[in-house]
């Protein structure tokens, strides 16, 4: 299920790849300031859904430490 933010981005013509990159960058920046944060903390601090964070971890784009 797409979030309202995802639908708005699609309506503005942003590609899914651009949305994923934006989410990744938000998470990366948050983790640089808050290393060792749990998934729920990352979601709260970035506004990125926990499922998206877990998908990035499972795909190998984010590494757990």
Foldseek 3Di string as FASTA:
>chain_A
DDDPVRVVCVVVVHDPVVVLVVLLVLLVVVCVVVPPDDLVVSCVNRVDDSVSVVVCCVVVVDDDD
